[in-house]
Amino acid sequence: MPERAVTAPAKINLTLEIRSRRADGYHQLESLVAFAIDAADDVSLRPGPGFSLTVEGSEAGELSGENLIARVAHAIGDARPDLTIGAFRLTKRLPVASGIGGGSADAAAAIRLIAAVNDIADPHAEFARLAATLGADIPVCIGGGGRKAAFMWGIGDEVWRPGGARLLPAGGLAAVLVNPRVAVSTAAVFKALGAGPLEEGESAAPELPPPLDDLDAVLAYVGDRANDLEAPAIGIAPVIAEVLETLSGLAGARLARMSGSGATCFALFDDLETAIAGASDLRTKFPGWWAAATRLC
């Protein structure tokens, strides 16, 4: 079979509300998630016997430990030895440990490729439960081709996308992503948050968001909801506050927030041209930061 390739877009938490801490240490959350289709890693698969992984790209040197693609492939191979896997190649462009789910997006892309070469029509239905045991952000990155906004809750294992409709405006949201090249430990941020224990009824499905048809609707919805990890993350990495202030000061910026557990932050703009100009300005003024203009879908 020929090699297949997909993109693994960055996952952006437009909102991230932490409800409680479960007895197993995981946290109950609610999050509106978008995907940065112009800021992504690439993952390809040449189907064949066994498994292998080659990693390249500008951010490859920042990776350490066992790659999530390998963990997912081995778990799927153990659960379904009848499936064909093969040789993966990851081109790493997204910053590592940065709150944009780069590793989870890569693993989800690998799952979509395994599903494609094995004629599995719904990779989320087939593999999301298994994937959630390896990374809470993986399930939301599997469906919608990894390119369609979703709402997730539970520990991230419950994912909803409106059938036949969009959560975000057609054409996406113009945005700038910025990472100050500071890795932030997700575990440390959650520990600093100190969420209370899960109470009865808190695992119930939350109120789902309506379709957000334009930027003003997005700003109203997001503006009413926080990223609860932002304050504890700033306590660990104060540069995040500088990034947020800098983004808020860009010409045309409408809202600035941190994604995930940090340190990547984003700002929303009226149009992509303004976002591109803002990202260019940031790269000139802060050459040590990673900055990208993109569309969130």
Protein backbone atom coordinates (compact mmCIF):
# COMPACT_ATOMS: atom_id res chain seq x y z
CA MET A 1 0.00 0.00 0.00
CA PRO A 2 1.22 3.55 -0.70
CA GLU A 3 2.36 5.96 1.99
CA ARG A 4 -0.38 8.12 3.49
CA ALA A 5 0.09 11.49 5.20
CA VAL A 6 -2.02 13.79 7.38
CA THR A 7 -1.46 16.97 9.35
CA ALA A 8 -1.60 17.15 13.15
CA PRO A 9 -2.85 20.68 13.92
CA ALA A 10 -2.16 22.33 17.26
CA LYS A 11 -5.01 22.00 19.77
CA ILE A 12 -6.08 25.33 21.29
CA ASN A 13 -8.26 25.52 24.41
CA LEU A 14 -10.42 28.59 23.82
CA THR A 15 -11.87 27.91 27.28
CA LEU A 16 -10.70 25.52 30.00
CA GLU A 17 -12.73 25.24 33.18
CA ILE A 18 -11.54 22.79 35.84
CA ARG A 19 -14.47 21.52 37.87
CA SER A 20 -12.89 19.13 40.37
CA ARG A 21 -10.24 16.49 41.06
CA ARG A 22 -11.20 12.83 40.92
CA ALA A 23 -10.00 10.18 43.35
CA ASP A 24 -7.70 8.76 40.65
CA GLY A 25 -5.92 12.11 40.29
CA TYR A 26 -7.53 13.11 36.98
CA HIS A 27 -9.50 16.34 36.78
CA GLN A 28 -13.05 16.96 35.58
CA LEU A 29 -12.96 19.72 33.00
CA GLU A 30 -14.98 21.50 30.34
CA SER A 31 -13.29 23.02 27.30
CA LEU A 32 -14.13 24.51 23.93
CA VAL A 33 -11.32 23.28 21.69
CA ALA A 34 -10.24 24.59 18.29
CA PHE A 35 -7.49 23.50 15.92
CA ALA A 36 -4.83 25.70 14.34
CA ILE A 37 -4.86 24.40 10.80
CA ASP A 38 -1.90 26.54 9.69
CA ALA A 39 0.24 25.50 12.69
CA ALA A 40 0.75 21.76 12.61
CA ASP A 41 3.06 18.77 12.60
CA ASP A 42 3.00 16.28 9.71
CA VAL A 43 2.61 12.54 10.20
CA SER A 44 2.91 9.90 7.49
CA LEU A 45 2.60 6.12 7.47
CA ARG A 46 4.00 3.58 5.03
CA PRO A 47 1.93 0.46 5.80
CA GLY A 48 3.84 -2.74 6.43
CA PRO A 49 4.81 -5.30 9.04
CA GLY A 50 5.77 -4.22 12.53
CA PHE A 51 6.27 -0.62 13.65
CA SER A 52 8.95 2.04 13.31
CA LEU A 53 9.11 5.80 13.83
CA THR A 54 11.39 8.41 12.29
CA VAL A 55 11.33 11.94 13.70
CA GLU A 56 12.56 15.06 11.90
CA GLY A 57 11.73 18.75 11.73
CA SER A 58 12.69 22.00 13.43
CA GLU A 59 11.39 20.94 16.87
CA ALA A 60 12.53 17.30 16.77
CA GLY A 61 15.51 17.98 19.01
CA GLU A 62 13.22 19.04 21.87
CA LEU A 63 11.53 15.64 22.13
CA SER A 64 12.53 13.24 24.88
CA GLY A 65 11.23 9.95 26.23
CA GLU A 66 8.93 7.56 24.40
CA ASN A 67 6.93 9.30 21.69
CA LEU A 68 3.14 9.18 22.00
CA ILE A 69 2.91 7.85 18.44
CA ALA A 70 4.93 4.83 19.54
CA ARG A 71 2.82 4.33 22.65
CA VAL A 72 -0.42 4.51 20.68
CA ALA A 73 0.83 2.22 17.91
CA HIS A 74 2.05 -0.39 20.40
CA ALA A 75 -1.22 -0.24 22.35
CA ILE A 76 -3.27 -0.66 19.19
CA GLY A 77 -1.01 -3.47 17.99
CA ASP A 78 -1.42 -5.28 21.31
CA ALA A 79 -5.21 -4.83 21.29
CA ARG A 80 -5.66 -5.56 17.58
CA PRO A 81 -2.78 -7.73 16.29
CA ASP A 82 -4.75 -8.26 13.07
CA LEU A 83 -4.22 -4.63 12.01
CA THR A 84 -1.51 -3.39 9.66
CA ILE A 85 0.69 -0.62 11.07
CA GLY A 86 4.15 0.04 9.54
CA ALA A 87 6.69 2.86 9.33
CA PHE A 88 5.72 6.30 10.67
CA ARG A 89 7.49 9.58 9.96
CA LEU A 90 6.84 12.60 12.17
CA THR A 91 7.85 16.08 11.04
CA LYS A 92 7.85 18.08 14.26
CA ARG A 93 7.16 21.82 13.94
CA LEU A 94 5.11 22.59 17.06
CA PRO A 95 6.81 23.50 20.37
CA VAL A 96 7.03 20.66 22.89
CA ALA A 97 5.32 20.72 26.32
CA SER A 98 3.55 23.93 25.41
CA GLY A 99 -0.17 23.48 26.14
CA ILE A 100 -1.24 22.98 22.52
CA GLY A 101 -1.44 19.20 22.57
CA GLY A 102 1.31 18.63 20.03
CA GLY A 103 2.07 15.10 21.16
CA SER A 104 -1.63 14.28 21.46
CA ALA A 105 -2.31 15.67 18.00
CA ASP A 106 0.54 13.56 16.60
CA ALA A 107 -0.84 10.43 18.29
CA ALA A 108 -4.35 11.18 17.01
CA ALA A 109 -2.98 11.63 13.49
CA ALA A 110 -1.29 8.23 13.80
CA ILE A 111 -4.62 6.73 14.86
CA ARG A 112 -6.37 8.23 11.85
CA LEU A 113 -3.68 6.79 9.57
CA ILE A 114 -3.92 3.32 11.12
CA ALA A 115 -7.69 3.49 10.68
CA ALA A 116 -7.35 4.57 7.04
CA VAL A 117 -4.98 1.78 6.00
CA ASN A 118 -7.19 -0.78 7.75
CA ASP A 119 -10.50 0.52 6.31
CA ILE A 120 -11.86 1.57 9.72
CA ALA A 121 -14.46 4.24 9.01
CA ASP A 122 -14.71 5.82 12.49
CA PRO A 123 -11.33 5.99 14.23
CA HIS A 124 -12.77 7.89 17.19
CA ALA A 125 -15.37 5.22 17.93
CA GLU A 126 -12.81 2.45 17.44
CA PHE A 127 -9.83 3.85 19.35
CA ALA A 128 -10.78 6.85 21.55
CA ARG A 129 -11.32 4.85 24.73
CA LEU A 130 -7.94 3.15 24.36
CA ALA A 131 -6.26 6.44 23.45
CA ALA A 132 -7.67 8.20 26.53
CA THR A 133 -5.66 5.86 28.76
CA LEU A 134 -2.47 7.21 27.13
CA GLY A 135 -3.33 10.92 26.96
CA ALA A 136 -6.47 12.83 27.93
CA ASP A 137 -6.14 15.21 24.95
CA ILE A 138 -5.90 12.49 22.31
CA PRO A 139 -9.65 11.73 21.91
CA VAL A 140 -10.60 15.31 20.99
CA CYS A 141 -7.84 15.36 18.37
CA ILE A 142 -9.02 12.19 16.60
CA GLY A 143 -12.43 13.17 15.26
CA GLY A 144 -13.27 15.80 12.68
CA GLY A 145 -10.09 14.92 10.83
CA GLY A 146 -8.26 16.74 13.61
CA ARG A 147 -9.44 20.01 12.06
CA LYS A 148 -12.90 20.71 13.49
CA ALA A 149 -13.71 22.46 16.77
CA ALA A 150 -15.26 20.40 19.55
CA PHE A 151 -16.44 20.61 23.13
CA MET A 152 -14.93 18.16 25.60
CA TRP A 153 -15.61 17.31 29.20
CA GLY A 154 -15.00 14.58 31.77
CA ILE A 155 -11.22 14.13 31.78
CA GLY A 156 -11.24 14.96 28.07
CA ASP A 157 -12.68 11.59 27.11
CA GLU A 158 -16.16 12.96 26.38
CA VAL A 159 -16.18 14.79 23.04
CA TRP A 160 -19.04 16.47 21.17
CA ARG A 161 -19.18 17.99 17.71
CA PRO A 162 -22.54 19.16 16.31
CA GLY A 163 -23.62 16.91 13.49
CA GLY A 164 -23.77 18.75 10.18
CA ALA A 165 -22.92 22.10 11.79
CA ARG A 166 -19.93 24.14 12.91
CA LEU A 167 -19.09 25.36 16.39
CA LEU A 168 -16.93 28.20 15.04
CA PRO A 169 -17.47 30.63 12.13
CA ALA A 170 -16.96 29.39 8.59
CA GLY A 171 -13.41 30.21 7.54
CA GLY A 172 -12.16 29.98 11.11
CA LEU A 173 -10.84 32.53 13.56
CA ALA A 174 -7.75 34.59 12.78
CA ALA A 175 -5.25 34.11 15.59
CA VAL A 176 -1.65 34.51 16.68
CA LEU A 177 -0.02 31.77 18.78
CA VAL A 178 3.00 32.57 20.92
CA ASN A 179 5.23 30.33 23.02
CA PRO A 180 8.07 31.96 25.00
CA ARG A 181 10.15 28.78 24.80
CA VAL A 182 9.45 27.89 28.41
CA ALA A 183 8.27 24.34 29.09
CA VAL A 184 5.60 24.14 31.81
CA SER A 185 4.80 20.89 33.62
CA THR A 186 1.10 20.08 33.34
CA ALA A 187 1.24 18.12 36.60
CA ALA A 188 2.83 21.07 38.40
CA VAL A 189 0.17 23.47 37.13
CA PHE A 190 -2.68 21.21 38.23
CA LYS A 191 -1.01 20.78 41.63
CA ALA A 192 -0.73 24.55 42.00
CA LEU A 193 -4.41 24.92 41.08
CA GLY A 194 -5.42 22.72 44.03
CA ALA A 195 -8.85 21.74 42.72
CA GLY A 196 -11.28 20.29 45.23
CA PRO A 197 -12.54 16.68 45.13
CA LEU A 198 -15.24 15.46 42.78
CA GLU A 199 -18.72 15.87 44.22
CA GLU A 200 -21.86 13.94 43.39
CA GLY A 201 -23.35 14.97 40.05
CA GLU A 202 -20.24 16.73 38.75
CA SER A 203 -19.59 13.99 36.18
CA ALA A 204 -22.87 14.77 34.40
CA ALA A 205 -22.80 16.18 30.87
CA PRO A 206 -22.49 20.00 30.89
CA GLU A 207 -24.48 22.54 28.91
CA LEU A 208 -23.19 22.37 25.35
CA PRO A 209 -22.20 25.56 23.52
CA PRO A 210 -24.39 26.95 20.72
CA PRO A 211 -22.98 27.43 17.22
CA LEU A 212 -20.80 30.54 17.36
CA ASP A 213 -21.44 32.10 13.97
CA ASP A 214 -19.12 35.12 14.10
CA LEU A 215 -16.19 36.53 16.04
CA ASP A 216 -18.40 38.62 18.32
CA ALA A 217 -20.30 35.50 19.39
CA VAL A 218 -17.00 33.72 20.06
CA LEU A 219 -15.70 36.65 22.10
CA ALA A 220 -18.89 36.78 24.17
CA TYR A 221 -18.81 33.03 24.87
CA VAL A 222 -15.08 32.84 25.62
CA GLY A 223 -15.14 36.10 27.57
CA ASP A 224 -17.60 34.59 30.04
CA ARG A 225 -15.37 31.57 30.65
CA ALA A 226 -11.83 31.35 31.92
CA ASN A 227 -8.79 29.17 31.51
CA ASP A 228 -8.60 28.15 35.16
CA LEU A 229 -4.99 27.02 34.72
CA GLU A 230 -3.78 30.46 33.63
CA ALA A 231 -3.15 31.90 37.10
CA PRO A 232 -1.30 28.86 38.51
CA ALA A 233 0.74 28.60 35.31
CA ILE A 234 1.79 32.26 35.63
CA GLY A 235 2.85 31.51 39.19
CA ILE A 236 5.19 28.84 37.85
CA ALA A 237 6.30 30.69 34.69
CA PRO A 238 5.79 34.47 35.11
CA VAL A 239 6.80 35.06 31.47
CA ILE A 240 3.29 33.89 30.53
CA ALA A 241 1.92 37.15 31.93
CA GLU A 242 4.36 39.05 29.71
CA VAL A 243 3.21 37.06 26.67
CA LEU A 244 -0.45 37.80 27.42
CA GLU A 245 0.24 41.51 27.91
CA THR A 246 2.25 41.62 24.67
CA LEU A 247 -0.47 39.84 22.71
CA SER A 248 -3.15 42.12 24.13
CA GLY A 249 -1.13 45.12 22.96
CA LEU A 250 -0.91 44.01 19.33
CA ALA A 251 -2.83 46.13 16.84
CA GLY A 252 -6.23 44.55 16.26
CA ALA A 253 -6.06 41.98 19.08
CA ARG A 254 -9.55 41.32 20.44
CA LEU A 255 -8.82 38.82 23.22
CA ALA A 256 -5.73 37.06 24.60
CA ARG A 257 -5.68 33.82 26.58
CA MET A 258 -3.40 30.96 27.52
CA SER A 259 -4.04 27.51 25.98
CA GLY A 260 -4.07 24.35 28.05
CA SER A 261 -1.58 24.36 30.91
CA GLY A 262 0.73 26.77 29.06
CA ALA A 263 2.96 28.31 28.18
CA THR A 264 1.51 28.90 24.67
CA CYS A 265 -0.92 31.82 24.51
CA PHE A 266 -3.16 33.05 21.71
CA ALA A 267 -4.88 36.23 20.59
CA LEU A 268 -7.91 36.50 18.31
CA PHE A 269 -8.16 39.06 15.48
CA ASP A 270 -10.76 40.29 13.02
CA ASP A 271 -8.80 39.05 10.00
CA LEU A 272 -5.81 36.93 9.06
CA GLU A 273 -3.86 39.81 7.51
CA THR A 274 -3.80 41.65 10.84
CA ALA A 275 -2.80 38.44 12.62
CA ILE A 276 0.06 37.85 10.16
CA ALA A 277 1.33 41.37 10.74
CA GLY A 278 1.14 40.85 14.49
CA ALA A 279 3.07 37.58 14.36
CA SER A 280 5.74 39.19 12.18
CA ASP A 281 6.10 42.06 14.63
CA LEU A 282 6.49 39.61 17.54
CA ARG A 283 9.18 37.59 15.77
CA THR A 284 11.15 40.81 15.22
CA LYS A 285 10.81 42.08 18.79
CA PHE A 286 11.12 38.69 20.54
CA PRO A 287 13.35 36.51 18.35
CA GLY A 288 13.58 33.89 21.09
CA TRP A 289 9.82 33.31 21.08
CA TRP A 290 7.90 31.00 18.76
CA ALA A 291 5.10 32.91 17.03
CA ALA A 292 2.69 31.86 14.30
CA ALA A 293 -0.35 33.39 12.61
CA THR A 294 -3.06 30.84 11.92
CA ARG A 295 -6.75 30.11 11.57
CA LEU A 296 -8.61 28.30 14.34
CA CYS A 297 -11.32 25.96 13.05
